Amino acid sequence: MNSKRIAALVTLVLVSASGGYQLKAHAQQDFPPPCSVVIPAEWGNYRGSVVESGLVFEDKNGTLRIIQQLPCTLDGSPNGPPRVIAEIRRR
């Protein structure tokens, strides 16, 4: 290393040690509370999601229910039951 780099490094270490450079913590961003939606137990188990359709649940009879928009308010509280956009039944 050349002498200019060593001098710059030493200067940086000395300034940092003397408090010339201080790290500041930024305030944490407040996020809204998460939405809590209750799915009726009779809708069965969660089976996955479809990008353009929604969340899929399958009950004990093989019926699939697809939910698209979860009903939440701005404060994260539920706003009624989830809306089923499609129901696929087995025969």
N, C-alpha and C. Protein backbone atom coordinates (compact mmCIF):
# COMPACT_ATOMS: atom_id res chain seq x y z
N MET A 1 0.84 -1.19 0.00
CA MET A 1 0.00 0.00 0.00
C MET A 1 0.88 1.24 0.00
N ASN A 2 0.41 2.25 -0.66
CA ASN A 2 1.22 3.46 -0.66
C ASN A 2 0.91 4.32 0.57
N SER A 3 1.73 5.29 0.81
CA SER A 3 1.62 6.08 2.05
C SER A 3 0.34 6.91 2.11
N LYS A 4 -0.20 7.33 0.97
CA LYS A 4 -1.44 8.12 0.98
C LYS A 4 -2.62 7.25 1.45
N ARG A 5 -2.66 6.00 1.03
CA ARG A 5 -3.73 5.11 1.46
C ARG A 5 -3.62 4.80 2.95
N ILE A 6 -2.41 4.61 3.42
CA ILE A 6 -2.22 4.34 4.85
C ILE A 6 -2.64 5.55 5.67
N ALA A 7 -2.25 6.75 5.23
CA ALA A 7 -2.62 7.97 5.94
C ALA A 7 -4.15 8.16 5.96
N ALA A 8 -4.81 7.87 4.83
CA ALA A 8 -6.26 8.01 4.77
C ALA A 8 -6.93 7.00 5.70
N LEU A 9 -6.42 5.78 5.74
CA LEU A 9 -6.98 4.75 6.61
C LEU A 9 -6.79 5.11 8.08
N VAL A 10 -5.61 5.58 8.44
CA VAL A 10 -5.35 5.98 9.82
C VAL A 10 -6.24 7.14 10.21
N THR A 11 -6.40 8.10 9.32
CA THR A 11 -7.26 9.26 9.60
C THR A 11 -8.71 8.81 9.81
N LEU A 12 -9.17 7.91 8.97
CA LEU A 12 -10.53 7.41 9.10
C LEU A 12 -10.73 6.69 10.42
N VAL A 13 -9.76 5.87 10.83
CA VAL A 13 -9.86 5.15 12.10
C VAL A 13 -9.85 6.13 13.27
N LEU A 14 -9.00 7.12 13.24
CA LEU A 14 -8.91 8.09 14.33
C LEU A 14 -10.18 8.94 14.43
N VAL A 15 -10.72 9.36 13.30
CA VAL A 15 -11.94 10.16 13.32
C VAL A 15 -13.11 9.33 13.84
N SER A 16 -13.17 8.07 13.41
CA SER A 16 -14.24 7.19 13.88
C SER A 16 -14.12 6.95 15.38
N ALA A 17 -12.92 6.74 15.85
CA ALA A 17 -12.71 6.46 17.27
C ALA A 17 -12.99 7.69 18.14
N SER A 18 -12.78 8.86 17.61
CA SER A 18 -12.99 10.07 18.40
C SER A 18 -14.44 10.54 18.40
N GLY A 19 -15.27 9.86 17.69
CA GLY A 19 -16.69 10.24 17.68
C GLY A 19 -17.03 11.23 16.60
N GLY A 20 -16.12 11.48 15.69
CA GLY A 20 -16.41 12.40 14.60
C GLY A 20 -17.47 11.85 13.65
N TYR A 21 -17.57 10.56 13.59
CA TYR A 21 -18.58 9.92 12.74
C TYR A 21 -19.43 9.04 13.63
N GLN A 22 -20.71 9.33 13.66
CA GLN A 22 -21.60 8.57 14.53
C GLN A 22 -22.68 7.88 13.70
N LEU A 23 -22.94 6.65 14.03
CA LEU A 23 -24.03 5.94 13.40
C LEU A 23 -25.32 6.31 14.09
N LYS A 24 -26.33 6.55 13.31
CA LYS A 24 -27.63 6.91 13.89
C LYS A 24 -28.64 5.82 13.53
N ALA A 25 -29.42 5.46 14.50
CA ALA A 25 -30.48 4.50 14.25
C ALA A 25 -31.69 5.23 13.69
N HIS A 26 -32.25 4.70 12.64
CA HIS A 26 -33.43 5.31 12.06
C HIS A 26 -34.67 4.76 12.76
N ALA A 27 -35.67 5.58 12.82
CA ALA A 27 -36.94 5.15 13.43
C ALA A 27 -37.53 4.00 12.62
N GLN A 28 -38.09 3.05 13.31
CA GLN A 28 -38.70 1.93 12.61
C GLN A 28 -40.03 2.36 12.01
N GLN A 29 -40.28 1.83 10.84
CA GLN A 29 -41.53 2.15 10.16
C GLN A 29 -42.66 1.37 10.79
N ASP A 30 -43.76 2.04 11.03
CA ASP A 30 -44.93 1.38 11.59
C ASP A 30 -45.76 0.79 10.46
N PHE A 31 -46.02 -0.49 10.56
CA PHE A 31 -46.85 -1.17 9.59
C PHE A 31 -48.21 -1.42 10.22
N PRO A 32 -49.25 -1.46 9.41
CA PRO A 32 -50.57 -1.77 9.97
C PRO A 32 -50.59 -3.20 10.49
N PRO A 33 -51.46 -3.48 11.45
CA PRO A 33 -51.52 -4.84 11.98
C PRO A 33 -51.95 -5.81 10.88
N PRO A 34 -51.49 -7.06 10.96
CA PRO A 34 -51.88 -8.02 9.94
C PRO A 34 -53.37 -8.33 10.00
N CYS A 35 -53.90 -8.71 8.89
CA CYS A 35 -55.32 -9.05 8.80
C CYS A 35 -55.54 -10.46 9.34
N SER A 36 -56.52 -10.64 10.16
CA SER A 36 -56.88 -11.96 10.69
C SER A 36 -58.25 -12.33 10.13
N VAL A 37 -58.27 -13.36 9.31
CA VAL A 37 -59.52 -13.81 8.70
C VAL A 37 -59.79 -15.22 9.20
N VAL A 38 -61.03 -15.48 9.60
CA VAL A 38 -61.41 -16.80 10.09
C VAL A 38 -62.11 -17.55 8.96
N ILE A 39 -61.57 -18.72 8.63
CA ILE A 39 -62.16 -19.57 7.61
C ILE A 39 -63.01 -20.61 8.33
N PRO A 40 -64.26 -20.79 7.93
CA PRO A 40 -65.10 -21.80 8.59
C PRO A 40 -64.46 -23.19 8.53
N ALA A 41 -64.52 -23.93 9.64
CA ALA A 41 -63.91 -25.26 9.71
C ALA A 41 -64.49 -26.21 8.67
N GLU A 42 -65.77 -26.06 8.35
CA GLU A 42 -66.39 -26.96 7.38
C GLU A 42 -65.87 -26.77 5.96
N TRP A 43 -65.11 -25.70 5.71
CA TRP A 43 -64.49 -25.51 4.40
C TRP A 43 -63.32 -26.46 4.21
N GLY A 44 -62.84 -27.07 5.28
CA GLY A 44 -61.77 -28.06 5.17
C GLY A 44 -60.38 -27.47 5.24
N ASN A 45 -59.45 -28.16 4.59
CA ASN A 45 -58.03 -27.82 4.65
C ASN A 45 -57.61 -26.90 3.52
N TYR A 46 -56.63 -26.08 3.84
CA TYR A 46 -56.02 -25.20 2.83
C TYR A 46 -55.24 -26.07 1.85
N ARG A 47 -55.45 -25.88 0.57
CA ARG A 47 -54.78 -26.69 -0.45
C ARG A 47 -53.78 -25.91 -1.28
N GLY A 48 -53.76 -24.61 -1.16
CA GLY A 48 -52.79 -23.82 -1.91
C GLY A 48 -53.42 -22.55 -2.44
N SER A 49 -52.69 -21.92 -3.36
CA SER A 49 -53.21 -20.70 -3.96
C SER A 49 -52.96 -20.75 -5.47
N VAL A 50 -53.82 -20.06 -6.18
CA VAL A 50 -53.70 -19.93 -7.62
C VAL A 50 -53.52 -18.45 -7.89
N VAL A 51 -52.46 -18.09 -8.60
CA VAL A 51 -52.08 -16.69 -8.77
C VAL A 51 -53.24 -15.82 -9.23
N GLU A 52 -53.97 -16.23 -10.22
CA GLU A 52 -55.02 -15.37 -10.76
C GLU A 52 -56.40 -15.67 -10.16
N SER A 53 -56.48 -16.68 -9.29
CA SER A 53 -57.79 -17.04 -8.73
C SER A 53 -57.90 -16.75 -7.25
N GLY A 54 -57.02 -17.27 -6.42
CA GLY A 54 -57.10 -17.02 -5.00
C GLY A 54 -56.66 -18.21 -4.17
N LEU A 55 -57.12 -18.27 -2.92
CA LEU A 55 -56.79 -19.34 -1.99
C LEU A 55 -57.78 -20.48 -2.16
N VAL A 56 -57.28 -21.72 -2.07
CA VAL A 56 -58.12 -22.89 -2.32
C VAL A 56 -58.23 -23.72 -1.04
N PHE A 57 -59.47 -24.11 -0.69
CA PHE A 57 -59.75 -24.97 0.45
C PHE A 57 -60.54 -26.17 -0.04
N GLU A 58 -60.26 -27.35 0.55
CA GLU A 58 -60.97 -28.57 0.17
C GLU A 58 -61.60 -29.19 1.40
N ASP A 59 -62.92 -29.46 1.34
CA ASP A 59 -63.61 -30.05 2.49
C ASP A 59 -63.57 -31.58 2.41
N LYS A 60 -64.19 -32.25 3.37
CA LYS A 60 -64.13 -33.72 3.47
C LYS A 60 -64.82 -34.42 2.31
N ASN A 61 -65.71 -33.72 1.59
CA ASN A 61 -66.42 -34.32 0.45
C ASN A 61 -65.69 -34.08 -0.87
N GLY A 62 -64.57 -33.38 -0.82
CA GLY A 62 -63.82 -33.09 -2.03
C GLY A 62 -64.20 -31.79 -2.71
N THR A 63 -65.12 -31.04 -2.11
CA THR A 63 -65.52 -29.75 -2.68
C THR A 63 -64.38 -28.74 -2.51
N LEU A 64 -64.05 -28.06 -3.58
CA LEU A 64 -63.02 -27.02 -3.55
C LEU A 64 -63.69 -25.66 -3.51
N ARG A 65 -63.23 -24.80 -2.62
CA ARG A 65 -63.72 -23.42 -2.54
C ARG A 65 -62.55 -22.49 -2.79
N ILE A 66 -62.76 -21.53 -3.67
CA ILE A 66 -61.70 -20.58 -4.01
C ILE A 66 -62.13 -19.21 -3.50
N ILE A 67 -61.25 -18.61 -2.70
CA ILE A 67 -61.49 -17.28 -2.11
C ILE A 67 -60.53 -16.31 -2.78
N GLN A 68 -61.07 -15.16 -3.22
CA GLN A 68 -60.19 -14.22 -3.91
C GLN A 68 -59.81 -13.02 -3.05
N GLN A 69 -60.74 -12.34 -2.49
CA GLN A 69 -60.43 -11.13 -1.73
C GLN A 69 -60.75 -11.37 -0.26
N LEU A 70 -59.73 -11.22 0.59
CA LEU A 70 -59.94 -11.37 2.02
C LEU A 70 -60.54 -10.07 2.57
N PRO A 71 -61.59 -10.18 3.34
CA PRO A 71 -62.30 -8.99 3.83
C PRO A 71 -61.61 -8.39 5.05
N CYS A 72 -60.75 -7.41 4.85
CA CYS A 72 -60.05 -6.74 5.95
C CYS A 72 -60.22 -5.24 5.85
N THR A 73 -60.24 -4.61 7.01
CA THR A 73 -60.30 -3.15 7.06
C THR A 73 -58.87 -2.61 7.15
N LEU A 74 -58.73 -1.32 7.12
CA LEU A 74 -57.40 -0.71 7.16
C LEU A 74 -56.67 -0.98 8.48
N ASP A 75 -57.41 -1.19 9.57
CA ASP A 75 -56.76 -1.44 10.86
C ASP A 75 -56.47 -2.93 11.08
N GLY A 76 -56.74 -3.78 10.08
CA GLY A 76 -56.42 -5.20 10.18
C GLY A 76 -57.52 -6.08 10.73
N SER A 77 -58.63 -5.48 11.11
CA SER A 77 -59.73 -6.30 11.66
C SER A 77 -60.54 -6.91 10.53
N PRO A 78 -61.09 -8.11 10.74
CA PRO A 78 -61.89 -8.73 9.69
C PRO A 78 -63.17 -7.96 9.44
N ASN A 79 -63.64 -8.03 8.22
CA ASN A 79 -64.83 -7.29 7.82
C ASN A 79 -65.81 -8.27 7.18
N GLY A 80 -66.29 -9.23 7.97
CA GLY A 80 -67.22 -10.22 7.46
C GLY A 80 -66.50 -11.49 7.03
N PRO A 81 -67.28 -12.48 6.61
CA PRO A 81 -66.67 -13.74 6.19
C PRO A 81 -66.02 -13.61 4.81
N PRO A 82 -65.05 -14.47 4.50
CA PRO A 82 -64.44 -14.44 3.17
C PRO A 82 -65.48 -14.77 2.10
N ARG A 83 -65.31 -14.20 0.93
CA ARG A 83 -66.24 -14.42 -0.18
C ARG A 83 -65.73 -15.52 -1.09
N VAL A 84 -66.54 -16.53 -1.30
CA VAL A 84 -66.18 -17.63 -2.19
C VAL A 84 -66.51 -17.20 -3.62
N ILE A 85 -65.49 -17.23 -4.50
CA ILE A 85 -65.76 -16.84 -5.89
C ILE A 85 -66.06 -18.04 -6.77
N ALA A 86 -65.65 -19.23 -6.31
CA ALA A 86 -65.96 -20.45 -7.07
C ALA A 86 -66.04 -21.63 -6.11
N GLU A 87 -66.94 -22.52 -6.40
CA GLU A 87 -67.09 -23.73 -5.61
C GLU A 87 -67.16 -24.90 -6.60
N ILE A 88 -66.24 -25.83 -6.48
CA ILE A 88 -66.17 -26.96 -7.41
C ILE A 88 -66.50 -28.21 -6.61
N ARG A 89 -67.59 -28.88 -7.00
CA ARG A 89 -68.07 -30.06 -6.26
C ARG A 89 -67.77 -31.33 -7.03
N ARG A 90 -67.48 -32.39 -6.30
CA ARG A 90 -67.27 -33.72 -6.90
C ARG A 90 -68.58 -34.50 -6.84
N ARG A 91 -68.78 -35.36 -7.82
CA ARG A 91 -69.98 -36.22 -7.82
C ARG A 91 -69.59 -37.63 -7.53
